[in-house]
Amino acid sequence: MAAVAQISQRDAYRIMFKDYPDVLNIEEMCGILGISTKTGYQLLKDGKIQNLKVGRSYRIPKIHLMTYLGIGENI
């Protein structure tokens, strides 16, 4: 069985998401995931990705997106 390399959240934060702000909007999150905004809103509505709602806008801290992706966790 092949070993799967694990990347730490710190490394992912510095390497994979370095061009994005610390708190993402829905369009940035969907761009990272390669999904439509409709699907992105559904993920937020279903509570699959933790987020903050500021007025009528959603804000997603990068750390919550990394948690959703399973980066830096023991899967």
PDB file of N, CA and C in Angstrom:
ATOM      1  N   MET A   1       0.847  -1.172   0.000  1.00  0.00           N
ATOM      2  CA  MET A   1       0.000   0.000   0.000  1.00  0.00           C
ATOM      3  C   MET A   1       0.894   1.237   0.000  1.00  0.00           C
ATOM      4  N   ALA A   2       0.605   2.195  -0.861  1.00  0.00           N
ATOM      5  CA  ALA A   2       1.417   3.414  -0.971  1.00  0.00           C
ATOM      6  C   ALA A   2       1.088   4.370   0.171  1.00  0.00           C
ATOM      7  N   ALA A   3       2.119   5.019   0.671  1.00  0.00           N
ATOM      8  CA  ALA A   3       1.924   6.003   1.728  1.00  0.00           C
ATOM      9  C   ALA A   3       1.433   7.310   1.117  1.00  0.00           C
ATOM     10  N   VAL A   4       0.512   7.955   1.799  1.00  0.00           N
ATOM     11  CA  VAL A   4      -0.030   9.229   1.339  1.00  0.00           C
ATOM     12  C   VAL A   4       0.677  10.343   2.106  1.00  0.00           C
ATOM     13  N   ALA A   5       1.230  11.285   1.378  1.00  0.00           N
ATOM     14  CA  ALA A   5       1.927  12.401   2.025  1.00  0.00           C
ATOM     15  C   ALA A   5       0.900  13.346   2.636  1.00  0.00           C
ATOM     16  N   GLN A   6       1.146  13.735   3.858  1.00  0.00           N
ATOM     17  CA  GLN A   6       0.277  14.677   4.554  1.00  0.00           C
ATOM     18  C   GLN A   6       0.932  16.049   4.542  1.00  0.00           C
ATOM     19  N   ILE A   7       0.142  17.058   4.279  1.00  0.00           N
ATOM     20  CA  ILE A   7       0.644  18.429   4.328  1.00  0.00           C
ATOM     21  C   ILE A   7       0.024  19.084   5.556  1.00  0.00           C
ATOM     22  N   SER A   8       0.821  19.830   6.278  1.00  0.00           N
ATOM     23  CA  SER A   8       0.307  20.482   7.473  1.00  0.00           C
ATOM     24  C   SER A   8      -0.518  21.699   7.072  1.00  0.00           C
ATOM     25  N   GLN A   9      -1.389  22.131   7.976  1.00  0.00           N
ATOM     26  CA  GLN A   9      -2.183  23.321   7.705  1.00  0.00           C
ATOM     27  C   GLN A   9      -1.278  24.530   7.504  1.00  0.00           C
ATOM     28  N   ARG A  10      -0.216  24.601   8.268  1.00  0.00           N
ATOM     29  CA  ARG A  10       0.709  25.740   8.144  1.00  0.00           C
ATOM     30  C   ARG A  10       1.330  25.782   6.747  1.00  0.00           C
ATOM     31  N   ASP A  11       1.782  24.623   6.252  1.00  0.00           N
ATOM     32  CA  ASP A  11       2.374  24.567   4.917  1.00  0.00           C
ATOM     33  C   ASP A  11       1.340  24.883   3.841  1.00  0.00           C
ATOM     34  N   ALA A  12       0.157  24.329   3.970  1.00  0.00           N
ATOM     35  CA  ALA A  12      -0.906  24.599   2.991  1.00  0.00           C
ATOM     36  C   ALA A  12      -1.243  26.078   2.976  1.00  0.00           C
ATOM     37  N   TYR A  13      -1.294  26.664   4.149  1.00  0.00           N
ATOM     38  CA  TYR A  13      -1.617  28.085   4.278  1.00  0.00           C
ATOM     39  C   TYR A  13      -0.589  28.937   3.545  1.00  0.00           C
ATOM     40  N   ARG A  14       0.683  28.564   3.690  1.00  0.00           N
ATOM     41  CA  ARG A  14       1.767  29.343   3.074  1.00  0.00           C
ATOM     42  C   ARG A  14       1.946  29.027   1.591  1.00  0.00           C
ATOM     43  N   ILE A  15       1.664  27.804   1.173  1.00  0.00           N
ATOM     44  CA  ILE A  15       1.945  27.390  -0.198  1.00  0.00           C
ATOM     45  C   ILE A  15       0.696  27.454  -1.083  1.00  0.00           C
ATOM     46  N   MET A  16      -0.319  26.747  -0.703  1.00  0.00           N
ATOM     47  CA  MET A  16      -1.487  26.583  -1.564  1.00  0.00           C
ATOM     48  C   MET A  16      -2.379  27.810  -1.623  1.00  0.00           C
ATOM     49  N   PHE A  17      -2.523  28.507  -0.518  1.00  0.00           N
ATOM     50  CA  PHE A  17      -3.483  29.600  -0.448  1.00  0.00           C
ATOM     51  C   PHE A  17      -2.828  30.963  -0.265  1.00  0.00           C
ATOM     52  N   LYS A  18      -1.548  31.073  -0.615  1.00  0.00           N
ATOM     53  CA  LYS A  18      -0.812  32.309  -0.346  1.00  0.00           C
ATOM     54  C   LYS A  18      -1.324  33.505  -1.128  1.00  0.00           C
ATOM     55  N   ASP A  19      -1.956  33.288  -2.270  1.00  0.00           N
ATOM     56  CA  ASP A  19      -2.442  34.397  -3.093  1.00  0.00           C
ATOM     57  C   ASP A  19      -3.844  34.855  -2.719  1.00  0.00           C
ATOM     58  N   TYR A  20      -4.406  34.267  -1.685  1.00  0.00           N
ATOM     59  CA  TYR A  20      -5.761  34.610  -1.261  1.00  0.00           C
ATOM     60  C   TYR A  20      -5.726  35.316   0.092  1.00  0.00           C
ATOM     61  N   PRO A  21      -6.711  36.174   0.354  1.00  0.00           N
ATOM     62  CA  PRO A  21      -6.771  36.832   1.668  1.00  0.00           C
ATOM     63  C   PRO A  21      -7.100  35.822   2.764  1.00  0.00           C
ATOM     64  N   ASP A  22      -6.881  36.197   4.010  1.00  0.00           N
ATOM     65  CA  ASP A  22      -7.133  35.292   5.137  1.00  0.00           C
ATOM     66  C   ASP A  22      -8.604  34.931   5.270  1.00  0.00           C
ATOM     67  N   VAL A  23      -9.470  35.847   4.869  1.00  0.00           N
ATOM     68  CA  VAL A  23     -10.907  35.604   4.909  1.00  0.00           C
ATOM     69  C   VAL A  23     -11.431  35.735   3.483  1.00  0.00           C
ATOM     70  N   LEU A  24     -12.029  34.664   2.999  1.00  0.00           N
ATOM     71  CA  LEU A  24     -12.476  34.590   1.608  1.00  0.00           C
ATOM     72  C   LEU A  24     -13.931  35.005   1.457  1.00  0.00           C
ATOM     73  N   ASN A  25     -14.280  35.509   0.276  1.00  0.00           N
ATOM     74  CA  ASN A  25     -15.690  35.686  -0.039  1.00  0.00           C
ATOM     75  C   ASN A  25     -16.145  34.453  -0.814  1.00  0.00           C
ATOM     76  N   ILE A  26     -17.411  34.386  -1.147  1.00  0.00           N
ATOM     77  CA  ILE A  26     -17.953  33.190  -1.784  1.00  0.00           C
ATOM     78  C   ILE A  26     -17.306  32.917  -3.143  1.00  0.00           C
ATOM     79  N   GLU A  27     -17.033  33.967  -3.906  1.00  0.00           N
ATOM     80  CA  GLU A  27     -16.428  33.783  -5.227  1.00  0.00           C
ATOM     81  C   GLU A  27     -15.015  33.212  -5.114  1.00  0.00           C
ATOM     82  N   GLU A  28     -14.232  33.709  -4.161  1.00  0.00           N
ATOM     83  CA  GLU A  28     -12.867  33.199  -3.961  1.00  0.00           C
ATOM     84  C   GLU A  28     -12.895  31.743  -3.517  1.00  0.00           C
ATOM     85  N   MET A  29     -13.800  31.419  -2.592  1.00  0.00           N
ATOM     86  CA  MET A  29     -13.911  30.041  -2.122  1.00  0.00           C
ATOM     87  C   MET A  29     -14.281  29.110  -3.274  1.00  0.00           C
ATOM     88  N   CYS A  30     -15.242  29.514  -4.084  1.00  0.00           N
ATOM     89  CA  CYS A  30     -15.674  28.683  -5.208  1.00  0.00           C
ATOM     90  C   CYS A  30     -14.564  28.538  -6.244  1.00  0.00           C
ATOM     91  N   GLY A  31     -13.777  29.589  -6.426  1.00  0.00           N
ATOM     92  CA  GLY A  31     -12.653  29.508  -7.347  1.00  0.00           C
ATOM     93  C   GLY A  31     -11.609  28.499  -6.888  1.00  0.00           C
ATOM     94  N   ILE A  32     -11.315  28.493  -5.600  1.00  0.00           N
ATOM     95  CA  ILE A  32     -10.358  27.532  -5.050  1.00  0.00           C
ATOM     96  C   ILE A  32     -10.868  26.108  -5.227  1.00  0.00           C
ATOM     97  N   LEU A  33     -12.153  25.902  -4.949  1.00  0.00           N
ATOM     98  CA  LEU A  33     -12.726  24.556  -5.022  1.00  0.00           C
ATOM     99  C   LEU A  33     -13.091  24.140  -6.440  1.00  0.00           C
ATOM    100  N   GLY A  34     -13.168  25.111  -7.359  1.00  0.00           N
ATOM    101  CA  GLY A  34     -13.555  24.797  -8.732  1.00  0.00           C
ATOM    102  C   GLY A  34     -15.014  24.410  -8.865  1.00  0.00           C
ATOM    103  N   ILE A  35     -15.873  25.098  -8.108  1.00  0.00           N
ATOM    104  CA  ILE A  35     -17.302  24.803  -8.123  1.00  0.00           C
ATOM    105  C   ILE A  35     -18.082  26.068  -8.456  1.00  0.00           C
ATOM    106  N   SER A  36     -19.350  25.906  -8.743  1.00  0.00           N
ATOM    107  CA  SER A  36     -20.204  27.061  -9.026  1.00  0.00           C
ATOM    108  C   SER A  36     -20.575  27.759  -7.717  1.00  0.00           C
ATOM    109  N   THR A  37     -21.003  29.000  -7.826  1.00  0.00           N
ATOM    110  CA  THR A  37     -21.427  29.717  -6.616  1.00  0.00           C
ATOM    111  C   THR A  37     -22.680  29.081  -6.024  1.00  0.00           C
ATOM    112  N   LYS A  38     -23.531  28.527  -6.862  1.00  0.00           N
ATOM    113  CA  LYS A  38     -24.726  27.840  -6.353  1.00  0.00           C
ATOM    114  C   LYS A  38     -24.325  26.684  -5.443  1.00  0.00           C
ATOM    115  N   THR A  39     -23.359  25.889  -5.874  1.00  0.00           N
ATOM    116  CA  THR A  39     -22.863  24.777  -5.060  1.00  0.00           C
ATOM    117  C   THR A  39     -22.175  25.303  -3.807  1.00  0.00           C
ATOM    118  N   GLY A  40     -21.426  26.395  -3.939  1.00  0.00           N
ATOM    119  CA  GLY A  40     -20.760  27.001  -2.794  1.00  0.00           C
ATOM    120  C   GLY A  40     -21.741  27.450  -1.730  1.00  0.00           C
ATOM    121  N   TYR A  41     -22.800  28.132  -2.165  1.00  0.00           N
ATOM    122  CA  TYR A  41     -23.831  28.559  -1.211  1.00  0.00           C
ATOM    123  C   TYR A  41     -24.489  27.361  -0.540  1.00  0.00           C
ATOM    124  N   GLN A  42     -24.675  26.275  -1.270  1.00  0.00           N
ATOM    125  CA  GLN A  42     -25.277  25.072  -0.693  1.00  0.00           C
ATOM    126  C   GLN A  42     -24.373  24.465   0.377  1.00  0.00           C
ATOM    127  N   LEU A  43     -23.053  24.445   0.142  1.00  0.00           N
ATOM    128  CA  LEU A  43     -22.115  23.947   1.149  1.00  0.00           C
ATOM    129  C   LEU A  43     -22.198  24.773   2.433  1.00  0.00           C
ATOM    130  N   LEU A  44     -22.310  26.093   2.275  1.00  0.00           N
ATOM    131  CA  LEU A  44     -22.412  26.965   3.446  1.00  0.00           C
ATOM    132  C   LEU A  44     -23.740  26.754   4.157  1.00  0.00           C
ATOM    133  N   LYS A  45     -24.819  26.679   3.391  1.00  0.00           N
ATOM    134  CA  LYS A  45     -26.153  26.494   3.967  1.00  0.00           C
ATOM    135  C   LYS A  45     -26.257  25.183   4.736  1.00  0.00           C
ATOM    136  N   ASP A  46     -25.637  24.126   4.189  1.00  0.00           N
ATOM    137  CA  ASP A  46     -25.676  22.807   4.836  1.00  0.00           C
ATOM    138  C   ASP A  46     -24.733  22.701   6.029  1.00  0.00           C
ATOM    139  N   GLY A  47     -23.914  23.744   6.273  1.00  0.00           N
ATOM    140  CA  GLY A  47     -22.997  23.737   7.405  1.00  0.00           C
ATOM    141  C   GLY A  47     -21.757  22.894   7.179  1.00  0.00           C
ATOM    142  N   LYS A  48     -21.470  22.543   5.939  1.00  0.00           N
ATOM    143  CA  LYS A  48     -20.294  21.727   5.652  1.00  0.00           C
ATOM    144  C   LYS A  48     -19.004  22.533   5.746  1.00  0.00           C
ATOM    145  N   ILE A  49     -19.106  23.831   5.490  1.00  0.00           N
ATOM    146  CA  ILE A  49     -17.966  24.732   5.644  1.00  0.00           C
ATOM    147  C   ILE A  49     -18.391  25.830   6.603  1.00  0.00           C
ATOM    148  N   GLN A  50     -17.672  25.951   7.712  1.00  0.00           N
ATOM    149  CA  GLN A  50     -18.002  27.001   8.675  1.00  0.00           C
ATOM    150  C   GLN A  50     -17.745  28.359   8.051  1.00  0.00           C
ATOM    151  N   ASN A  51     -18.594  29.309   8.396  1.00  0.00           N
ATOM    152  CA  ASN A  51     -18.485  30.635   7.807  1.00  0.00           C
ATOM    153  C   ASN A  51     -19.030  31.682   8.741  1.00  0.00           C
ATOM    154  N   LEU A  52     -18.799  32.922   8.376  1.00  0.00           N
ATOM    155  CA  LEU A  52     -19.331  34.066   9.097  1.00  0.00           C
ATOM    156  C   LEU A  52     -20.244  34.813   8.142  1.00  0.00           C
ATOM    157  N   LYS A  53     -21.329  35.347   8.650  1.00  0.00           N
ATOM    158  CA  LYS A  53     -22.197  36.146   7.810  1.00  0.00           C
ATOM    159  C   LYS A  53     -22.084  37.588   8.286  1.00  0.00           C
ATOM    160  N   VAL A  54     -21.659  38.444   7.373  1.00  0.00           N
ATOM    161  CA  VAL A  54     -21.502  39.867   7.666  1.00  0.00           C
ATOM    162  C   VAL A  54     -22.516  40.599   6.799  1.00  0.00           C
ATOM    163  N   GLY A  55     -23.579  41.067   7.438  1.00  0.00           N
ATOM    164  CA  GLY A  55     -24.662  41.656   6.661  1.00  0.00           C
ATOM    165  C   GLY A  55     -25.275  40.574   5.795  1.00  0.00           C
ATOM    166  N   ARG A  56     -25.281  40.798   4.493  1.00  0.00           N
ATOM    167  CA  ARG A  56     -25.817  39.812   3.562  1.00  0.00           C
ATOM    168  C   ARG A  56     -24.724  38.980   2.900  1.00  0.00           C
ATOM    169  N   SER A  57     -23.489  39.196   3.289  1.00  0.00           N
ATOM    170  CA  SER A  57     -22.353  38.521   2.666  1.00  0.00           C
ATOM    171  C   SER A  57     -21.795  37.425   3.560  1.00  0.00           C
ATOM    172  N   TYR A  58     -21.313  36.378   2.927  1.00  0.00           N
ATOM    173  CA  TYR A  58     -20.642  35.302   3.640  1.00  0.00           C
ATOM    174  C   TYR A  58     -19.145  35.538   3.596  1.00  0.00           C
ATOM    175  N   ARG A  59     -18.471  35.235   4.700  1.00  0.00           N
ATOM    176  CA  ARG A  59     -17.012  35.289   4.775  1.00  0.00           C
ATOM    177  C   ARG A  59     -16.537  33.952   5.310  1.00  0.00           C
ATOM    178  N   ILE A  60     -15.535  33.405   4.651  1.00  0.00           N
ATOM    179  CA  ILE A  60     -15.033  32.080   4.992  1.00  0.00           C
ATOM    180  C   ILE A  60     -13.552  32.182   5.336  1.00  0.00           C
ATOM    181  N   PRO A  61     -13.184  32.040   6.610  1.00  0.00           N
ATOM    182  CA  PRO A  61     -11.761  32.016   6.954  1.00  0.00           C
ATOM    183  C   PRO A  61     -11.081  30.841   6.256  1.00  0.00           C
ATOM    184  N   LYS A  62      -9.884  31.063   5.742  1.00  0.00           N
ATOM    185  CA  LYS A  62      -9.163  30.011   5.019  1.00  0.00           C
ATOM    186  C   LYS A  62      -9.015  28.747   5.860  1.00  0.00           C
ATOM    187  N   ILE A  63      -8.850  28.902   7.143  1.00  0.00           N
ATOM    188  CA  ILE A  63      -8.655  27.741   8.003  1.00  0.00           C
ATOM    189  C   ILE A  63      -9.871  26.813   7.961  1.00  0.00           C
ATOM    190  N   HIS A  64     -11.076  27.385   7.831  1.00  0.00           N
ATOM    191  CA  HIS A  64     -12.286  26.557   7.741  1.00  0.00           C
ATOM    192  C   HIS A  64     -12.349  25.824   6.406  1.00  0.00           C
ATOM    193  N   LEU A  65     -11.867  26.454   5.355  1.00  0.00           N
ATOM    194  CA  LEU A  65     -11.816  25.785   4.053  1.00  0.00           C
ATOM    195  C   LEU A  65     -10.816  24.634   4.089  1.00  0.00           C
ATOM    196  N   MET A  66      -9.682  24.849   4.739  1.00  0.00           N
ATOM    197  CA  MET A  66      -8.688  23.780   4.858  1.00  0.00           C
ATOM    198  C   MET A  66      -9.228  22.626   5.694  1.00  0.00           C
ATOM    199  N   THR A  67      -9.992  22.927   6.727  1.00  0.00           N
ATOM    200  CA  THR A  67     -10.609  21.882   7.539  1.00  0.00           C
ATOM    201  C   THR A  67     -11.585  21.072   6.690  1.00  0.00           C
ATOM    202  N   TYR A  68     -12.388  21.756   5.881  1.00  0.00           N
ATOM    203  CA  TYR A  68     -13.327  21.064   4.990  1.00  0.00           C
ATOM    204  C   TYR A  68     -12.588  20.131   4.029  1.00  0.00           C
ATOM    205  N   LEU A  69     -11.453  20.586   3.525  1.00  0.00           N
ATOM    206  CA  LEU A  69     -10.671  19.792   2.577  1.00  0.00           C
ATOM    207  C   LEU A  69      -9.877  18.674   3.270  1.00  0.00           C
ATOM    208  N   GLY A  70      -9.811  18.725   4.603  1.00  0.00           N
ATOM    209  CA  GLY A  70      -9.080  17.691   5.334  1.00  0.00           C
ATOM    210  C   GLY A  70      -7.579  17.918   5.341  1.00  0.00           C
ATOM    211  N   ILE A  71      -7.156  19.136   5.120  1.00  0.00           N
ATOM    212  CA  ILE A  71      -5.737  19.444   5.101  1.00  0.00           C
ATOM    213  C   ILE A  71      -5.226  19.621   6.525  1.00  0.00           C
ATOM    214  N   GLY A  72      -4.202  18.880   6.862  1.00  0.00           N
ATOM    215  CA  GLY A  72      -3.583  19.000   8.175  1.00  0.00           C
ATOM    216  C   GLY A  72      -4.264  18.169   9.256  1.00  0.00           C
ATOM    217  N   GLU A  73      -5.240  17.377   8.861  1.00  0.00           N
ATOM    218  CA  GLU A  73      -5.914  16.516   9.823  1.00  0.00           C
ATOM    219  C   GLU A  73      -5.510  15.076   9.581  1.00  0.00           C
ATOM    220  N   ASN A  74      -5.692  14.281  10.569  1.00  0.00           N
ATOM    221  CA  ASN A  74      -5.474  12.831  10.395  1.00  0.00           C
ATOM    222  C   ASN A  74      -6.740  12.234   9.831  1.00  0.00           C
ATOM    223  N   ILE A  75      -6.701  11.925   8.555  1.00  0.00           N
ATOM    224  CA  ILE A  75      -7.897  11.424   7.878  1.00  0.00           C
ATOM    225  C   ILE A  75      -7.931   9.912   7.970  1.00  0.00           C
TER     226      ILE A  75
END
